[in-house]
Protein backbone atom coordinates (compact mmCIF):
# COMPACT_ATOMS: atom_id res chain seq x y z
CA UNK A 1 -42.50 -25.32 -15.37
CA UNK A 2 -40.14 -27.49 -13.29
CA UNK A 3 -36.72 -26.27 -12.38
CA UNK A 4 -33.96 -28.69 -10.85
CA UNK A 5 -31.00 -27.08 -9.24
CA UNK A 6 -28.01 -29.43 -8.31
CA UNK A 7 -25.25 -28.45 -6.30
CA UNK A 8 -22.21 -30.58 -5.39
CA UNK A 9 -20.60 -29.42 -2.29
CA UNK A 10 -17.27 -30.68 -1.19
CA UNK A 11 -16.34 -29.89 2.43
CA UNK A 12 -12.76 -30.53 3.22
CA UNK A 13 -12.79 -28.18 6.41
CA UNK A 14 -10.17 -28.77 9.16
CA UNK A 15 -8.63 -31.94 7.66
CA UNK A 16 -5.20 -30.99 8.28
CA UNK A 17 -4.50 -30.60 4.46
CA UNK A 18 -1.22 -29.02 3.43
CA UNK A 19 -2.00 -28.73 -0.26
CA UNK A 20 -5.13 -28.82 -2.67
CA UNK A 21 -6.74 -32.33 -2.91
CA UNK A 22 -6.12 -32.32 -6.85
CA UNK A 23 -7.64 -35.88 -7.33
CA UNK A 24 -10.24 -35.95 -4.69
CA UNK A 25 -12.49 -33.05 -6.30
CA UNK A 26 -15.26 -34.07 -8.36
CA UNK A 27 -15.05 -32.14 -11.72
CA UNK A 28 -18.54 -31.08 -11.38
CA UNK A 29 -18.18 -29.52 -7.76
CA UNK A 30 -20.06 -26.20 -7.45
CA UNK A 31 -18.87 -25.44 -3.90
CA UNK A 32 -15.65 -26.23 -2.26
CA UNK A 33 -14.71 -25.52 1.12
CA UNK A 34 -11.11 -26.04 2.13
CA UNK A 35 -11.10 -23.75 5.26
CA UNK A 36 -9.29 -24.27 8.37
CA UNK A 37 -6.45 -26.12 6.98
CA UNK A 38 -2.65 -25.79 6.68
CA UNK A 39 -2.37 -24.90 2.93
CA UNK A 40 0.60 -22.80 2.40
CA UNK A 41 0.78 -22.53 -1.52
CA UNK A 42 -1.98 -21.91 -4.09
CA UNK A 43 -0.77 -23.80 -7.27
CA UNK A 44 -3.09 -24.42 -10.16
CA UNK A 45 -6.52 -25.84 -9.41
CA UNK A 46 -7.84 -28.53 -11.85
CA UNK A 47 -10.41 -27.56 -14.27
CA UNK A 48 -13.64 -27.21 -12.37
CA UNK A 49 -16.22 -26.25 -14.86
CA UNK A 50 -19.24 -25.71 -12.56
CA UNK A 51 -17.32 -24.30 -9.45
CA UNK A 52 -18.79 -21.13 -8.31
CA UNK A 53 -17.64 -20.81 -4.78
CA UNK A 54 -14.27 -21.54 -3.39
CA UNK A 55 -13.36 -21.11 0.56
CA UNK A 56 -9.86 -21.05 1.37
CA UNK A 57 -10.24 -19.10 4.63
CA UNK A 58 -8.26 -19.86 7.76
CA UNK A 59 -5.20 -21.56 6.11
CA UNK A 60 -1.55 -20.17 6.09
CA UNK A 61 -1.54 -19.34 2.48
CA UNK A 62 1.32 -16.97 1.66
CA UNK A 63 1.85 -17.76 -1.86
CA UNK A 64 -0.58 -17.98 -4.83
CA UNK A 65 0.95 -19.02 -8.07
CA UNK A 66 0.01 -16.89 -11.26
CA UNK A 67 -1.92 -19.79 -12.81
CA UNK A 68 -3.76 -20.87 -9.38
CA UNK A 69 -7.42 -19.88 -10.79
CA UNK A 70 -6.86 -20.14 -14.74
CA UNK A 71 -9.28 -23.19 -14.91
CA UNK A 72 -12.10 -21.77 -12.68
CA UNK A 73 -14.01 -19.85 -15.40
CA UNK A 74 -17.45 -19.73 -13.66
CA UNK A 75 -16.14 -19.00 -10.06
CA UNK A 76 -18.20 -16.00 -8.49
CA UNK A 77 -17.08 -16.13 -4.95
CA UNK A 78 -13.38 -16.46 -3.67
CA UNK A 79 -12.77 -16.26 -0.05
CA UNK A 80 -9.12 -16.04 0.95
CA UNK A 81 -9.71 -14.45 4.40
CA UNK A 82 -7.26 -14.90 7.48
CA UNK A 83 -4.20 -16.29 5.62
CA UNK A 84 -0.68 -14.86 5.44
CA UNK A 85 -1.13 -13.33 1.80
CA UNK A 86 1.49 -10.54 1.48
CA UNK A 87 1.49 -9.76 -2.25
CA UNK A 88 -0.61 -10.80 -5.05
CA UNK A 89 1.32 -10.59 -8.60
CA UNK A 90 -0.23 -8.45 -11.33
CA UNK A 91 -1.01 -11.58 -13.50
CA UNK A 92 -2.77 -13.85 -10.73
CA UNK A 93 -6.14 -13.18 -12.22
CA UNK A 94 -4.88 -12.61 -15.67
CA UNK A 95 -6.78 -15.73 -17.23
CA UNK A 96 -9.24 -16.27 -15.01
CA UNK A 97 -11.64 -16.64 -12.94
CA UNK A 98 -13.52 -14.48 -15.39
CA UNK A 99 -16.73 -14.37 -13.67
CA UNK A 100 -15.69 -13.41 -10.19
CA UNK A 101 -18.00 -11.16 -8.32
CA UNK A 102 -16.71 -11.37 -4.76
CA UNK A 103 -13.29 -11.58 -3.33
CA UNK A 104 -12.44 -11.71 0.51
CA UNK A 105 -9.02 -10.81 1.25
CA UNK A 106 -9.43 -9.65 4.69
CA UNK A 107 -6.95 -10.53 7.61
CA UNK A 108 -4.16 -11.02 5.68
CA UNK A 109 -0.68 -9.26 5.51
CA UNK A 110 -0.80 -7.28 2.26
CA UNK A 111 0.95 -3.98 2.29
CA UNK A 112 0.62 -2.93 -1.62
CA UNK A 113 -1.89 -3.35 -4.40
CA UNK A 114 -0.50 -3.12 -7.68
CA UNK A 115 -2.35 -1.29 -10.59
CA UNK A 116 -3.13 -4.57 -12.56
CA UNK A 117 -4.02 -6.97 -9.80
CA UNK A 118 -7.81 -6.98 -10.49
CA UNK A 119 -7.80 -5.42 -13.83
CA UNK A 120 -9.12 -8.63 -15.59
CA UNK A 121 -11.88 -9.23 -13.21
CA UNK A 122 -14.55 -7.37 -15.21
CA UNK A 123 -17.48 -8.68 -13.16
CA UNK A 124 -16.20 -8.12 -9.94
CA UNK A 125 -18.62 -6.13 -7.21
CA UNK A 126 -17.03 -6.53 -3.95
CA UNK A 127 -13.48 -6.38 -2.60
CA UNK A 128 -12.48 -6.98 0.92
CA UNK A 129 -9.30 -5.88 1.93
CA UNK A 130 -9.91 -4.85 5.60
CA UNK A 131 -7.34 -5.81 8.39
CA UNK A 132 -4.16 -5.94 6.24
CA UNK A 133 -1.23 -3.80 6.45
CA UNK A 134 -2.07 -1.87 3.35
CA UNK A 135 -0.09 1.40 2.90
CA UNK A 136 -0.25 1.96 -0.86
CA UNK A 137 -2.88 1.24 -3.46
CA UNK A 138 -2.12 2.32 -6.94
CA UNK A 139 -4.48 5.12 -7.91
CA UNK A 140 -5.87 3.13 -10.94
CA UNK A 141 -5.81 -0.34 -9.44
CA UNK A 142 -9.80 -0.14 -9.30
CA UNK A 143 -10.25 1.95 -12.57
CA UNK A 144 -11.17 -1.08 -14.90
CA UNK A 145 -13.61 -2.43 -12.46
CA UNK A 146 -16.89 -0.98 -13.76
CA UNK A 147 -19.17 -3.14 -11.79
CA UNK A 148 -17.44 -2.76 -8.42
CA UNK A 149 -19.82 -1.46 -5.72
CA UNK A 150 -18.22 -2.15 -2.26
CA UNK A 151 -14.65 -1.87 -1.26
CA UNK A 152 -13.94 -2.53 2.38
CA UNK A 153 -10.61 -1.22 3.67
CA UNK A 154 -11.08 -1.08 7.49
CA UNK A 155 -8.15 -0.95 9.49
CA UNK A 156 -5.42 -0.34 7.20
CA UNK A 157 -2.95 2.75 6.88
CA UNK A 158 -3.93 3.83 3.17
CA UNK A 159 -5.70 6.56 1.79
CA UNK A 160 -7.48 6.71 -1.47
CA UNK A 161 -7.85 9.54 -4.03
CA UNK A 162 -11.39 10.59 -4.87
CA UNK A 163 -10.73 9.93 -8.57
CA UNK A 164 -9.88 6.21 -7.80
CA UNK A 165 -13.16 5.62 -5.96
CA UNK A 166 -15.80 7.07 -7.85
CA UNK A 167 -19.25 5.74 -7.50
CA UNK A 168 -18.14 3.07 -4.67
CA UNK A 169 -19.31 2.50 -1.40
CA UNK A 170 -15.98 2.65 0.80
CA UNK A 171 -16.18 0.96 4.15
CA UNK A 172 -13.28 2.11 6.23
């Protein structure tokens, strides 16, 4: 039996981009690296039916519009490390990415995690919130995440109750 794996990798690292290059992204891209740019706002991505990994690390992102990830249905890994994100709206992930397993939000400026931020991400296994300014996480913020295994909270000022973290590996 022969198996063929095809990945279309788009690397836009350190290109001085200030926004998502909407027209330069092939619709069949599987991995997109937009790290080390000057992207400030994440607005809606074009439909990318095969995208499984999106790297937005080392930008200056401070705003994520609620519909930014709606059309990234098979995205499994989202890297938003080392940006300037202060807050994520409760409906940011409401319509996607439905298959997300890993989200990296470390080294941002987040202070609060609301109850419903991650609620629709049923496949989420790993969340990294380390090195933020977190001082409050809603007690039910992770309640609906049945597959969540690892929650990283290093270098924050937050404490979680034992009822909000059952069966998790907490790194803090």
